[in-house]
């Protein structure tokens, strides 16, 4: 979820994700990183619902996503 706003309502969905809000720039960055996470999962032969927390954190770090 993007917490910054420029007055537009943005929603993007795809395999394993639904992105809401954010400015155009924030929303684009979230979309790219989410797609990269899905690509890395697929390359590892893993799925979001079965990957361990540690492996997900590693993938997220590889694509430049801050761990929450």
C-alpha atoms as a PDB file:
ATOM      1  CA  UNK A   1       0.000   0.000   0.000  1.00  0.00           C
ATOM      2  CA  UNK A   2       1.369   3.390  -1.013  1.00  0.00           C
ATOM      3  CA  UNK A   3       0.644   5.952   1.684  1.00  0.00           C
ATOM      4  CA  UNK A   4       1.622   9.040  -0.284  1.00  0.00           C
ATOM      5  CA  UNK A   5      -0.946  10.512  -2.639  1.00  0.00           C
ATOM      6  CA  UNK A   6      -1.345  12.924  -5.499  1.00  0.00           C
ATOM      7  CA  UNK A   7      -5.139  12.757  -5.570  1.00  0.00           C
ATOM      8  CA  UNK A   8      -5.423   9.798  -7.967  1.00  0.00           C
ATOM      9  CA  UNK A   9      -6.675   6.376  -6.942  1.00  0.00           C
ATOM     10  CA  UNK A  10      -4.400   3.618  -8.210  1.00  0.00           C
ATOM     11  CA  UNK A  11      -5.013  -0.116  -7.997  1.00  0.00           C
ATOM     12  CA  UNK A  12      -2.871  -2.743  -9.693  1.00  0.00           C
ATOM     13  CA  UNK A  13      -3.343  -6.484  -9.294  1.00  0.00           C
ATOM     14  CA  UNK A  14      -1.407  -9.458 -10.523  1.00  0.00           C
ATOM     15  CA  UNK A  15      -0.219 -12.885  -9.527  1.00  0.00           C
ATOM     16  CA  UNK A  16       0.306 -12.827  -5.755  1.00  0.00           C
ATOM     17  CA  UNK A  17      -0.310  -9.110  -5.311  1.00  0.00           C
ATOM     18  CA  UNK A  18      -2.705  -6.187  -5.070  1.00  0.00           C
ATOM     19  CA  UNK A  19      -1.192  -2.717  -4.887  1.00  0.00           C
ATOM     20  CA  UNK A  20      -3.197   0.237  -3.656  1.00  0.00           C
ATOM     21  CA  UNK A  21      -2.506   3.954  -3.606  1.00  0.00           C
ATOM     22  CA  UNK A  22       0.641   5.968  -3.853  1.00  0.00           C
ATOM     23  CA  UNK A  23       1.727   8.645  -6.234  1.00  0.00           C
ATOM     24  CA  UNK A  24       2.422   7.603  -9.817  1.00  0.00           C
ATOM     25  CA  UNK A  25       6.112   7.199  -9.007  1.00  0.00           C
ATOM     26  CA  UNK A  26       5.524   5.201  -5.819  1.00  0.00           C
ATOM     27  CA  UNK A  27       2.980   2.950  -7.503  1.00  0.00           C
ATOM     28  CA  UNK A  28       5.330   2.253 -10.420  1.00  0.00           C
ATOM     29  CA  UNK A  29       8.198   1.388  -8.055  1.00  0.00           C
ATOM     30  CA  UNK A  30       5.951  -0.951  -6.038  1.00  0.00           C
ATOM     31  CA  UNK A  31       4.730  -2.635  -9.227  1.00  0.00           C
ATOM     32  CA  UNK A  32       8.234  -3.229 -10.599  1.00  0.00           C
ATOM     33  CA  UNK A  33       9.529  -4.639  -7.311  1.00  0.00           C
ATOM     34  CA  UNK A  34       6.516  -6.910  -6.896  1.00  0.00           C
ATOM     35  CA  UNK A  35       6.931  -8.285 -10.414  1.00  0.00           C
ATOM     36  CA  UNK A  36      10.648  -8.893  -9.734  1.00  0.00           C
ATOM     37  CA  UNK A  37       9.779 -10.794  -6.543  1.00  0.00           C
ATOM     38  CA  UNK A  38       7.384 -13.008  -8.515  1.00  0.00           C
ATOM     39  CA  UNK A  39      10.050 -13.609 -11.174  1.00  0.00           C
ATOM     40  CA  UNK A  40      12.620 -14.627  -8.561  1.00  0.00           C
ATOM     41  CA  UNK A  41      10.145 -16.959  -6.875  1.00  0.00           C
ATOM     42  CA  UNK A  42       9.385 -18.596 -10.226  1.00  0.00           C
ATOM     43  CA  UNK A  43      13.105 -18.927 -11.054  1.00  0.00           C
ATOM     44  CA  UNK A  44      13.596 -20.714  -7.722  1.00  0.00           C
ATOM     45  CA  UNK A  45      10.638 -22.984  -8.405  1.00  0.00           C
ATOM     46  CA  UNK A  46       8.828 -21.602  -5.373  1.00  0.00           C
ATOM     47  CA  UNK A  47       5.438 -20.102  -4.686  1.00  0.00           C
ATOM     48  CA  UNK A  48       4.550 -17.223  -2.408  1.00  0.00           C
ATOM     49  CA  UNK A  49       2.366 -19.423  -0.223  1.00  0.00           C
ATOM     50  CA  UNK A  50       5.160 -21.931   0.412  1.00  0.00           C
ATOM     51  CA  UNK A  51       8.342 -19.823   0.568  1.00  0.00           C
ATOM     52  CA  UNK A  52       9.832 -19.422   4.039  1.00  0.00           C
ATOM     53  CA  UNK A  53       9.956 -16.040   5.738  1.00  0.00           C
ATOM     54  CA  UNK A  54      13.756 -16.081   5.550  1.00  0.00           C
ATOM     55  CA  UNK A  55      13.771 -16.877   1.825  1.00  0.00           C
ATOM     56  CA  UNK A  56      11.190 -14.188   1.132  1.00  0.00           C
ATOM     57  CA  UNK A  57      13.251 -11.639   3.080  1.00  0.00           C
ATOM     58  CA  UNK A  58      16.302 -12.612   1.006  1.00  0.00           C
ATOM     59  CA  UNK A  59      14.393 -12.172  -2.267  1.00  0.00           C
ATOM     60  CA  UNK A  60      12.914  -8.870  -1.122  1.00  0.00           C
ATOM     61  CA  UNK A  61      16.397  -7.602  -0.242  1.00  0.00           C
ATOM     62  CA  UNK A  62      17.703  -8.675  -3.673  1.00  0.00           C
ATOM     63  CA  UNK A  63      15.104  -6.497  -5.418  1.00  0.00           C
ATOM     64  CA  UNK A  64      15.718  -3.552  -3.089  1.00  0.00           C
ATOM     65  CA  UNK A  65      12.596  -3.784  -0.975  1.00  0.00           C
ATOM     66  CA  UNK A  66      12.955  -2.745   2.633  1.00  0.00           C
ATOM     67  CA  UNK A  67      12.036  -5.503   5.044  1.00  0.00           C
ATOM     68  CA  UNK A  68       9.084  -4.663   7.247  1.00  0.00           C
END
